[in-house]
Amino acid sequence: MGGMVGGVGVLLVACERGNRTGQENQTPQTMQLTSPAFATDGLIPSEFTCDGADRSPALNWDNPPAETKSFTLVLTHLDASPPLIHWVLYDLPPDTRSLPAAIPTQPFLTAGVQGKNDFGQYGYRGPCLPENEQRYAFKLYAVDTVLDLPPGSAYPDIMAALAGQVLAEAELIGRYSRQP
């Protein structure tokens, strides 16, 4: 699917947080996260799941806060118990506004570093369940620092490094259902 047809995203208001002087940031910021491959709450096409090529979808965003020093992206299987992390990507440069489809599954990228998902692998691992329809959340964090974590860092370490550093968040939910 080309272009932005159906690529509607979700807007989230930036997190209020204290700055280094202890004052609260009162100016809300927003970001929008979209994909040209599926609409918000839409079905994730099979090429981005184990039913197809199992490659990452293209993602786009805009309007990060001016203080953004890097971005972190996490893909979570929301309906798993506990939720499963399918992708972690961090230290994306602050001028990044999109990711192409099919990000390589290697630790270092031209721009950014990949952590290990809950399957012990670098990079994206798409939806793959024989069960009923499931929800997956792509969550983007605008961060006021570069995390500077080693490649292969796990989700808990990344979230600990993000504590108190997130300027804004955006989320795109996709649904998966096994294709017959």
N, C-alpha and C. Protein backbone atom coordinates (compact mmCIF):
# COMPACT_ATOMS: atom_id res chain seq x y z
N MET A 1 0.84 -1.17 0.00
CA MET A 1 0.00 0.00 0.00
C MET A 1 0.88 1.23 0.00
N GLY A 2 0.76 2.10 -0.95
CA GLY A 2 1.61 3.27 -1.01
C GLY A 2 0.96 4.49 -0.41
N GLY A 3 1.74 5.52 -0.18
CA GLY A 3 1.23 6.78 0.34
C GLY A 3 0.72 6.68 1.76
N MET A 4 -0.14 7.63 2.09
CA MET A 4 -0.66 7.68 3.46
C MET A 4 -2.13 7.30 3.51
N VAL A 5 -2.67 6.64 2.47
CA VAL A 5 -4.07 6.25 2.48
C VAL A 5 -4.31 5.33 3.67
N GLY A 6 -5.24 5.67 4.48
CA GLY A 6 -5.57 4.86 5.65
C GLY A 6 -4.55 4.99 6.77
N GLY A 7 -3.52 5.79 6.61
CA GLY A 7 -2.46 5.89 7.61
C GLY A 7 -2.79 6.90 8.69
N VAL A 8 -3.93 6.74 9.33
CA VAL A 8 -4.34 7.66 10.38
C VAL A 8 -3.62 7.27 11.67
N GLY A 9 -3.15 8.23 12.41
CA GLY A 9 -2.42 7.95 13.64
C GLY A 9 -3.16 8.44 14.87
N VAL A 10 -2.57 8.24 15.99
CA VAL A 10 -3.13 8.67 17.26
C VAL A 10 -2.28 9.82 17.80
N LEU A 11 -2.93 10.86 18.26
CA LEU A 11 -2.22 11.98 18.87
C LEU A 11 -2.24 11.78 20.37
N LEU A 12 -1.11 11.97 20.99
CA LEU A 12 -1.02 11.92 22.44
C LEU A 12 -0.37 13.20 22.92
N VAL A 13 -0.83 13.71 24.02
CA VAL A 13 -0.25 14.93 24.59
C VAL A 13 1.03 14.56 25.31
N ALA A 14 1.99 15.41 25.22
CA ALA A 14 3.28 15.17 25.86
C ALA A 14 3.12 15.00 27.36
N CYS A 15 4.02 14.26 27.93
CA CYS A 15 4.03 14.05 29.38
C CYS A 15 4.51 15.33 30.04
N GLU A 16 3.82 15.74 31.11
CA GLU A 16 4.34 16.85 31.90
C GLU A 16 5.44 16.29 32.77
N ARG A 17 6.53 17.00 32.86
CA ARG A 17 7.63 16.52 33.67
C ARG A 17 8.42 17.71 34.16
N GLY A 18 9.15 17.51 35.20
CA GLY A 18 9.98 18.58 35.73
C GLY A 18 11.21 18.78 34.87
N ASN A 19 11.62 20.03 34.72
CA ASN A 19 12.88 20.26 34.03
C ASN A 19 14.01 20.30 35.05
N ARG A 20 15.21 20.57 34.59
CA ARG A 20 16.36 20.51 35.47
C ARG A 20 16.32 21.55 36.60
N THR A 21 15.47 22.59 36.44
CA THR A 21 15.35 23.59 37.50
C THR A 21 14.22 23.25 38.46
N GLY A 22 13.54 22.14 38.24
CA GLY A 22 12.46 21.71 39.11
C GLY A 22 11.11 22.27 38.74
N GLN A 23 11.02 23.10 37.69
CA GLN A 23 9.74 23.65 37.26
C GLN A 23 9.06 22.66 36.33
N GLU A 24 7.72 22.65 36.39
CA GLU A 24 6.96 21.77 35.51
C GLU A 24 6.88 22.37 34.10
N ASN A 25 6.92 21.52 33.12
CA ASN A 25 6.75 21.94 31.73
C ASN A 25 5.25 22.07 31.49
N GLN A 26 4.75 23.28 31.30
CA GLN A 26 3.32 23.53 31.18
C GLN A 26 2.84 23.56 29.73
N THR A 27 3.72 23.51 28.75
CA THR A 27 3.32 23.58 27.36
C THR A 27 3.16 22.17 26.79
N PRO A 28 1.93 21.74 26.55
CA PRO A 28 1.75 20.39 26.01
C PRO A 28 2.24 20.30 24.57
N GLN A 29 2.91 19.24 24.26
CA GLN A 29 3.39 18.96 22.91
C GLN A 29 2.62 17.74 22.40
N THR A 30 2.47 17.61 21.12
CA THR A 30 1.81 16.44 20.56
C THR A 30 2.68 15.85 19.47
N MET A 31 2.52 14.56 19.27
CA MET A 31 3.16 13.87 18.16
C MET A 31 2.12 12.96 17.52
N GLN A 32 2.32 12.65 16.27
CA GLN A 32 1.44 11.73 15.57
C GLN A 32 2.30 10.62 14.98
N LEU A 33 1.91 9.38 15.17
CA LEU A 33 2.59 8.21 14.62
C LEU A 33 1.64 7.52 13.67
N THR A 34 2.08 7.31 12.43
CA THR A 34 1.25 6.68 11.40
C THR A 34 2.05 5.65 10.64
N SER A 35 1.33 4.85 9.88
CA SER A 35 1.96 3.91 8.95
C SER A 35 1.19 3.96 7.65
N PRO A 36 1.89 3.97 6.51
CA PRO A 36 1.18 3.88 5.24
C PRO A 36 0.60 2.49 5.00
N ALA A 37 0.98 1.51 5.83
CA ALA A 37 0.55 0.12 5.63
C ALA A 37 -0.80 -0.19 6.27
N PHE A 38 -1.16 0.51 7.36
CA PHE A 38 -2.43 0.23 8.02
C PHE A 38 -2.88 1.44 8.82
N ALA A 39 -4.19 1.54 9.01
CA ALA A 39 -4.78 2.64 9.77
C ALA A 39 -4.75 2.32 11.25
N THR A 40 -4.93 3.33 12.07
CA THR A 40 -5.05 3.13 13.51
C THR A 40 -6.16 2.12 13.77
N ASP A 41 -5.86 1.12 14.57
CA ASP A 41 -6.78 0.04 14.92
C ASP A 41 -7.16 -0.82 13.72
N GLY A 42 -6.39 -0.69 12.63
CA GLY A 42 -6.64 -1.50 11.44
C GLY A 42 -5.83 -2.79 11.48
N LEU A 43 -6.14 -3.68 10.56
CA LEU A 43 -5.40 -4.94 10.46
C LEU A 43 -4.01 -4.70 9.89
N ILE A 44 -3.02 -5.30 10.52
CA ILE A 44 -1.65 -5.24 10.04
C ILE A 44 -1.55 -6.20 8.86
N PRO A 45 -1.15 -5.74 7.69
CA PRO A 45 -1.06 -6.62 6.52
C PRO A 45 -0.12 -7.81 6.75
N SER A 46 -0.42 -8.93 6.12
CA SER A 46 0.31 -10.17 6.36
C SER A 46 1.81 -10.06 6.08
N GLU A 47 2.22 -9.18 5.17
CA GLU A 47 3.65 -9.06 4.88
C GLU A 47 4.46 -8.60 6.10
N PHE A 48 3.78 -8.02 7.10
CA PHE A 48 4.44 -7.55 8.31
C PHE A 48 4.23 -8.51 9.48
N THR A 49 3.82 -9.74 9.17
CA THR A 49 3.57 -10.78 10.17
C THR A 49 4.28 -12.06 9.73
N CYS A 50 4.21 -13.08 10.58
CA CYS A 50 4.82 -14.37 10.22
C CYS A 50 4.05 -15.06 9.10
N ASP A 51 2.87 -14.57 8.77
CA ASP A 51 2.11 -15.12 7.64
C ASP A 51 2.72 -14.68 6.31
N GLY A 52 3.59 -13.69 6.35
CA GLY A 52 4.23 -13.16 5.15
C GLY A 52 5.73 -13.06 5.36
N ALA A 53 6.31 -11.95 4.93
CA ALA A 53 7.76 -11.74 5.01
C ALA A 53 8.25 -11.40 6.41
N ASP A 54 7.36 -11.09 7.33
CA ASP A 54 7.70 -10.74 8.72
C ASP A 54 8.71 -9.60 8.77
N ARG A 55 8.44 -8.57 7.98
CA ARG A 55 9.30 -7.39 7.96
C ARG A 55 8.59 -6.24 8.65
N SER A 56 9.36 -5.29 9.16
CA SER A 56 8.78 -4.15 9.85
C SER A 56 8.06 -3.23 8.87
N PRO A 57 6.92 -2.65 9.29
CA PRO A 57 6.23 -1.70 8.42
C PRO A 57 6.90 -0.33 8.46
N ALA A 58 6.68 0.46 7.43
CA ALA A 58 7.14 1.85 7.44
C ALA A 58 6.34 2.62 8.48
N LEU A 59 7.00 3.56 9.13
CA LEU A 59 6.36 4.41 10.14
C LEU A 59 6.76 5.85 9.89
N ASN A 60 5.86 6.77 10.22
CA ASN A 60 6.10 8.20 10.05
C ASN A 60 5.64 8.94 11.28
N TRP A 61 6.32 10.03 11.62
CA TRP A 61 5.88 10.88 12.72
C TRP A 61 6.32 12.30 12.47
N ASP A 62 5.73 13.20 13.26
CA ASP A 62 6.09 14.62 13.14
C ASP A 62 5.93 15.31 14.48
N ASN A 63 6.21 16.59 14.48
CA ASN A 63 6.01 17.47 15.63
C ASN A 63 6.64 17.01 16.94
N PRO A 64 7.91 16.63 16.97
CA PRO A 64 8.51 16.33 18.27
C PRO A 64 8.81 17.63 19.01
N PRO A 65 8.88 17.57 20.31
CA PRO A 65 9.28 18.77 21.06
C PRO A 65 10.67 19.25 20.62
N ALA A 66 10.90 20.53 20.69
CA ALA A 66 12.18 21.11 20.24
C ALA A 66 13.37 20.55 21.01
N GLU A 67 13.18 20.13 22.26
CA GLU A 67 14.27 19.63 23.09
C GLU A 67 14.64 18.17 22.80
N THR A 68 13.97 17.55 21.83
CA THR A 68 14.21 16.13 21.53
C THR A 68 15.65 15.90 21.09
N LYS A 69 16.31 14.94 21.74
CA LYS A 69 17.69 14.56 21.41
C LYS A 69 17.74 13.18 20.72
N SER A 70 16.68 12.38 20.91
CA SER A 70 16.61 11.06 20.27
C SER A 70 15.18 10.53 20.38
N PHE A 71 14.93 9.46 19.63
CA PHE A 71 13.65 8.75 19.69
C PHE A 71 13.90 7.31 20.07
N THR A 72 12.91 6.73 20.75
CA THR A 72 12.90 5.30 21.06
C THR A 72 11.57 4.75 20.58
N LEU A 73 11.60 3.57 19.96
CA LEU A 73 10.40 2.92 19.46
C LEU A 73 10.29 1.53 20.06
N VAL A 74 9.08 1.17 20.51
CA VAL A 74 8.83 -0.14 21.09
C VAL A 74 7.56 -0.71 20.48
N LEU A 75 7.59 -1.98 20.10
CA LEU A 75 6.40 -2.69 19.63
C LEU A 75 6.04 -3.74 20.66
N THR A 76 4.81 -3.63 21.18
CA THR A 76 4.34 -4.50 22.25
C THR A 76 3.09 -5.26 21.82
N HIS A 77 3.06 -6.56 22.08
CA HIS A 77 1.86 -7.38 21.89
C HIS A 77 1.01 -7.18 23.14
N LEU A 78 -0.02 -6.36 23.03
CA LEU A 78 -0.81 -5.95 24.18
C LEU A 78 -1.64 -7.07 24.79
N ASP A 79 -2.10 -8.01 23.98
CA ASP A 79 -3.01 -9.04 24.47
C ASP A 79 -2.30 -10.28 25.00
N ALA A 80 -0.99 -10.30 24.95
CA ALA A 80 -0.24 -11.40 25.57
C ALA A 80 -0.19 -11.13 27.07
N SER A 81 -0.06 -12.18 27.83
CA SER A 81 0.01 -12.03 29.29
C SER A 81 1.24 -12.77 29.81
N PRO A 82 2.28 -12.04 30.24
CA PRO A 82 2.41 -10.58 30.22
C PRO A 82 2.63 -10.10 28.79
N PRO A 83 2.45 -8.78 28.56
CA PRO A 83 2.69 -8.25 27.21
C PRO A 83 4.09 -8.61 26.71
N LEU A 84 4.18 -8.96 25.43
CA LEU A 84 5.46 -9.34 24.82
C LEU A 84 6.03 -8.19 24.01
N ILE A 85 7.33 -7.99 24.11
CA ILE A 85 8.02 -6.95 23.35
C ILE A 85 8.54 -7.58 22.06
N HIS A 86 8.07 -7.05 20.93
CA HIS A 86 8.43 -7.57 19.61
C HIS A 86 9.52 -6.76 18.93
N TRP A 87 9.81 -5.55 19.43
CA TRP A 87 10.81 -4.71 18.77
C TRP A 87 11.20 -3.58 19.70
N VAL A 88 12.49 -3.30 19.80
CA VAL A 88 12.99 -2.13 20.50
C VAL A 88 14.09 -1.49 19.65
N LEU A 89 13.93 -0.21 19.43
CA LEU A 89 14.84 0.57 18.60
C LEU A 89 15.05 1.89 19.32
N TYR A 90 16.30 2.28 19.55
CA TYR A 90 16.55 3.49 20.34
C TYR A 90 17.71 4.29 19.77
N ASP A 91 17.86 5.50 20.30
CA ASP A 91 18.87 6.46 19.87
C ASP A 91 18.73 6.83 18.39
N LEU A 92 17.48 6.88 17.92
CA LEU A 92 17.24 7.43 16.58
C LEU A 92 17.51 8.92 16.65
N PRO A 93 18.20 9.49 15.67
CA PRO A 93 18.53 10.92 15.70
C PRO A 93 17.28 11.80 15.78
N PRO A 94 17.41 12.99 16.37
CA PRO A 94 16.25 13.86 16.58
C PRO A 94 15.62 14.40 15.30
N ASP A 95 16.34 14.38 14.19
CA ASP A 95 15.77 14.86 12.93
C ASP A 95 15.06 13.74 12.16
N THR A 96 15.02 12.54 12.70
CA THR A 96 14.34 11.42 12.06
C THR A 96 12.83 11.65 12.13
N ARG A 97 12.14 11.45 11.01
CA ARG A 97 10.69 11.59 10.98
C ARG A 97 10.00 10.36 10.40
N SER A 98 10.81 9.34 10.02
CA SER A 98 10.20 8.14 9.45
C SER A 98 11.20 6.99 9.50
N LEU A 99 10.64 5.80 9.40
CA LEU A 99 11.43 4.59 9.24
C LEU A 99 10.90 3.87 8.01
N PRO A 100 11.78 3.40 7.16
CA PRO A 100 11.30 2.64 6.00
C PRO A 100 10.85 1.24 6.44
N ALA A 101 10.16 0.57 5.56
CA ALA A 101 9.79 -0.83 5.82
C ALA A 101 11.06 -1.67 5.78
N ALA A 102 10.99 -2.83 6.41
CA ALA A 102 12.05 -3.84 6.35
C ALA A 102 13.37 -3.37 6.97
N ILE A 103 13.32 -2.82 8.18
CA ILE A 103 14.55 -2.46 8.90
C ILE A 103 15.35 -3.75 9.13
N PRO A 104 16.64 -3.77 8.82
CA PRO A 104 17.45 -4.98 9.02
C PRO A 104 17.47 -5.41 10.49
N THR A 105 17.55 -6.70 10.71
CA THR A 105 17.59 -7.24 12.08
C THR A 105 19.03 -7.39 12.54
N GLN A 106 19.67 -6.25 12.75
CA GLN A 106 21.06 -6.20 13.19
C GLN A 106 21.18 -5.18 14.31
N PRO A 107 22.22 -5.26 15.14
CA PRO A 107 22.32 -4.36 16.30
C PRO A 107 22.42 -2.89 15.93
N PHE A 108 23.35 -2.52 15.05
CA PHE A 108 23.56 -1.12 14.69
C PHE A 108 22.93 -0.85 13.34
N LEU A 109 22.25 0.28 13.25
CA LEU A 109 21.67 0.73 12.00
C LEU A 109 22.38 2.00 11.57
N THR A 110 22.13 2.45 10.37
CA THR A 110 22.70 3.72 9.91
C THR A 110 22.36 4.82 10.91
N ALA A 111 21.13 4.78 11.41
CA ALA A 111 20.68 5.73 12.42
C ALA A 111 19.92 4.95 13.49
N GLY A 112 20.52 4.78 14.63
CA GLY A 112 19.86 4.09 15.73
C GLY A 112 20.49 2.76 16.08
N VAL A 113 20.01 2.22 17.19
CA VAL A 113 20.51 0.96 17.74
C VAL A 113 19.30 0.09 18.06
N GLN A 114 19.43 -1.22 17.85
CA GLN A 114 18.33 -2.12 18.18
C GLN A 114 18.65 -2.91 19.44
N GLY A 115 17.63 -3.02 20.26
CA GLY A 115 17.73 -3.88 21.42
C GLY A 115 17.27 -5.27 21.03
N LYS A 116 17.22 -6.15 22.02
CA LYS A 116 16.70 -7.49 21.78
C LYS A 116 15.24 -7.54 22.23
N ASN A 117 14.44 -8.21 21.41
CA ASN A 117 13.03 -8.38 21.75
C ASN A 117 12.89 -9.53 22.75
N ASP A 118 11.67 -9.82 23.14
CA ASP A 118 11.44 -10.89 24.12
C ASP A 118 11.70 -12.28 23.56
N PHE A 119 12.05 -12.38 22.30
CA PHE A 119 12.41 -13.65 21.67
C PHE A 119 13.93 -13.82 21.61
N GLY A 120 14.65 -12.84 22.20
CA GLY A 120 16.10 -12.90 22.24
C GLY A 120 16.77 -12.52 20.93
N GLN A 121 16.05 -11.83 20.04
CA GLN A 121 16.56 -11.46 18.72
C GLN A 121 16.68 -9.95 18.58
N TYR A 122 17.60 -9.52 17.74
CA TYR A 122 17.69 -8.12 17.37
C TYR A 122 16.58 -7.84 16.36
N GLY A 123 16.01 -6.66 16.45
CA GLY A 123 15.10 -6.20 15.43
C GLY A 123 13.66 -6.64 15.60
N TYR A 124 12.92 -6.44 14.54
CA TYR A 124 11.48 -6.64 14.49
C TYR A 124 11.12 -8.11 14.41
N ARG A 125 10.11 -8.47 15.16
CA ARG A 125 9.46 -9.77 15.00
C ARG A 125 7.97 -9.49 15.03
N GLY A 126 7.35 -9.76 13.90
CA GLY A 126 5.95 -9.40 13.74
C GLY A 126 4.98 -10.34 14.42
N PRO A 127 3.70 -9.98 14.38
CA PRO A 127 2.66 -10.81 14.96
C PRO A 127 2.68 -12.22 14.38
N CYS A 128 2.36 -13.21 15.25
CA CYS A 128 2.38 -14.59 14.80
C CYS A 128 1.70 -15.48 15.84
N LEU A 129 0.40 -15.54 15.80
CA LEU A 129 -0.33 -16.38 16.74
C LEU A 129 -1.49 -17.08 16.05
N PRO A 130 -1.80 -18.31 16.44
CA PRO A 130 -2.95 -18.99 15.85
C PRO A 130 -4.26 -18.61 16.53
N GLU A 131 -4.19 -17.74 17.55
CA GLU A 131 -5.37 -17.40 18.34
C GLU A 131 -6.25 -16.37 17.65
N ASN A 132 -7.26 -15.91 18.38
CA ASN A 132 -8.15 -14.87 17.89
C ASN A 132 -7.38 -13.59 17.65
N GLU A 133 -8.09 -12.62 17.13
CA GLU A 133 -7.49 -11.32 16.82
C GLU A 133 -6.75 -10.76 18.04
N GLN A 134 -5.59 -10.17 17.81
CA GLN A 134 -4.73 -9.63 18.86
C GLN A 134 -4.36 -8.19 18.52
N ARG A 135 -3.99 -7.40 19.56
CA ARG A 135 -3.61 -6.00 19.38
C ARG A 135 -2.11 -5.82 19.62
N TYR A 136 -1.52 -4.95 18.79
CA TYR A 136 -0.09 -4.63 18.87
C TYR A 136 0.05 -3.11 18.88
N ALA A 137 0.91 -2.60 19.78
CA ALA A 137 1.10 -1.16 19.92
C ALA A 137 2.53 -0.77 19.52
N PHE A 138 2.64 0.10 18.53
CA PHE A 138 3.90 0.76 18.20
C PHE A 138 3.90 2.03 19.04
N LYS A 139 4.88 2.18 19.92
CA LYS A 139 4.93 3.36 20.79
C LYS A 139 6.24 4.09 20.55
N LEU A 140 6.14 5.36 20.25
CA LEU A 140 7.29 6.21 19.97
C LEU A 140 7.47 7.18 21.13
N TYR A 141 8.69 7.30 21.60
CA TYR A 141 9.05 8.22 22.68
C TYR A 141 10.01 9.27 22.13
N ALA A 142 9.70 10.54 22.35
CA ALA A 142 10.65 11.62 22.09
C ALA A 142 11.40 11.83 23.40
N VAL A 143 12.73 11.78 23.35
CA VAL A 143 13.55 11.74 24.56
C VAL A 143 14.49 12.94 24.59
N ASP A 144 14.74 13.46 25.79
CA ASP A 144 15.60 14.64 25.93
C ASP A 144 17.08 14.30 26.09
N THR A 145 17.46 13.06 25.77
CA THR A 145 18.85 12.63 25.86
C THR A 145 19.07 11.50 24.85
N VAL A 146 20.31 11.14 24.65
CA VAL A 146 20.66 9.93 23.91
C VAL A 146 20.87 8.86 24.98
N LEU A 147 20.20 7.72 24.84
CA LEU A 147 20.28 6.69 25.88
C LEU A 147 21.66 6.08 26.00
N ASP A 148 22.36 5.95 24.88
CA ASP A 148 23.73 5.44 24.87
C ASP A 148 23.86 4.10 25.58
N LEU A 149 22.88 3.22 25.33
CA LEU A 149 22.91 1.86 25.86
C LEU A 149 23.57 0.94 24.84
N PRO A 150 24.15 -0.17 25.28
CA PRO A 150 24.76 -1.09 24.31
C PRO A 150 23.70 -1.75 23.44
N PRO A 151 24.08 -2.16 22.22
CA PRO A 151 23.12 -2.88 21.38
C PRO A 151 22.68 -4.15 22.10
N GLY A 152 21.44 -4.53 21.84
CA GLY A 152 20.92 -5.73 22.47
C GLY A 152 20.33 -5.49 23.84
N SER A 153 20.28 -4.23 24.28
CA SER A 153 19.66 -3.94 25.57
C SER A 153 18.21 -4.41 25.55
N ALA A 154 17.74 -4.87 26.69
CA ALA A 154 16.38 -5.39 26.80
C ALA A 154 15.42 -4.28 27.21
N TYR A 155 14.16 -4.52 26.98
CA TYR A 155 13.10 -3.57 27.28
C TYR A 155 13.17 -2.99 28.70
N PRO A 156 13.34 -3.80 29.74
CA PRO A 156 13.40 -3.20 31.09
C PRO A 156 14.54 -2.19 31.25
N ASP A 157 15.70 -2.47 30.64
CA ASP A 157 16.83 -1.55 30.72
C ASP A 157 16.54 -0.27 29.96
N ILE A 158 15.89 -0.40 28.83
CA ILE A 158 15.55 0.77 28.02
C ILE A 158 14.53 1.64 28.76
N MET A 159 13.51 1.01 29.34
CA MET A 159 12.50 1.77 30.07
C MET A 159 13.11 2.45 31.30
N ALA A 160 14.05 1.80 31.96
CA ALA A 160 14.73 2.42 33.11
C ALA A 160 15.52 3.65 32.65
N ALA A 161 16.17 3.55 31.49
CA ALA A 161 16.94 4.68 30.97
C ALA A 161 16.02 5.83 30.53
N LEU A 162 14.80 5.51 30.13
CA LEU A 162 13.85 6.53 29.70
C LEU A 162 13.21 7.28 30.87
N ALA A 163 13.27 6.72 32.06
CA ALA A 163 12.61 7.32 33.22
C ALA A 163 13.03 8.78 33.39
N GLY A 164 12.04 9.66 33.39
CA GLY A 164 12.30 11.09 33.58
C GLY A 164 12.86 11.79 32.36
N GLN A 165 13.01 11.08 31.24
CA GLN A 165 13.62 11.66 30.04
C GLN A 165 12.64 11.84 28.88
N VAL A 166 11.41 11.34 29.01
CA VAL A 166 10.45 11.35 27.91
C VAL A 166 9.76 12.71 27.82
N LEU A 167 9.86 13.33 26.65
CA LEU A 167 9.22 14.61 26.40
C LEU A 167 7.81 14.45 25.85
N ALA A 168 7.60 13.42 25.02
CA ALA A 168 6.30 13.18 24.40
C ALA A 168 6.24 11.73 23.96
N GLU A 169 5.02 11.25 23.75
CA GLU A 169 4.79 9.88 23.30
C GLU A 169 3.74 9.89 22.20
N ALA A 170 3.80 8.91 21.33
CA ALA A 170 2.75 8.69 20.34
C ALA A 170 2.58 7.19 20.20
N GLU A 171 1.37 6.75 19.90
CA GLU A 171 1.09 5.33 19.82
C GLU A 171 0.23 5.03 18.60
N LEU A 172 0.55 3.93 17.95
CA LEU A 172 -0.22 3.44 16.81
C LEU A 172 -0.57 1.99 17.11
N ILE A 173 -1.86 1.69 17.19
CA ILE A 173 -2.33 0.33 17.48
C ILE A 173 -2.72 -0.34 16.16
N GLY A 174 -2.23 -1.56 15.99
CA GLY A 174 -2.63 -2.38 14.86
C GLY A 174 -3.18 -3.70 15.37
N ARG A 175 -4.03 -4.33 14.58
CA ARG A 175 -4.61 -5.61 14.95
C ARG A 175 -4.08 -6.70 14.03
N TYR A 176 -3.99 -7.90 14.57
CA TYR A 176 -3.52 -9.07 13.80
C TYR A 176 -4.51 -10.21 13.95
N SER A 177 -4.76 -10.85 12.85
CA SER A 177 -5.58 -12.06 12.85
C SER A 177 -4.95 -13.00 11.81
N ARG A 178 -4.77 -14.24 12.19
CA ARG A 178 -4.14 -15.22 11.29
C ARG A 178 -4.89 -15.28 9.97
N GLN A 179 -4.17 -15.17 8.88
CA GLN A 179 -4.77 -15.20 7.55
C GLN A 179 -4.97 -16.65 7.13
N PRO A 180 -6.17 -16.98 6.64
CA PRO A 180 -6.43 -18.37 6.22
C PRO A 180 -5.65 -18.77 4.99
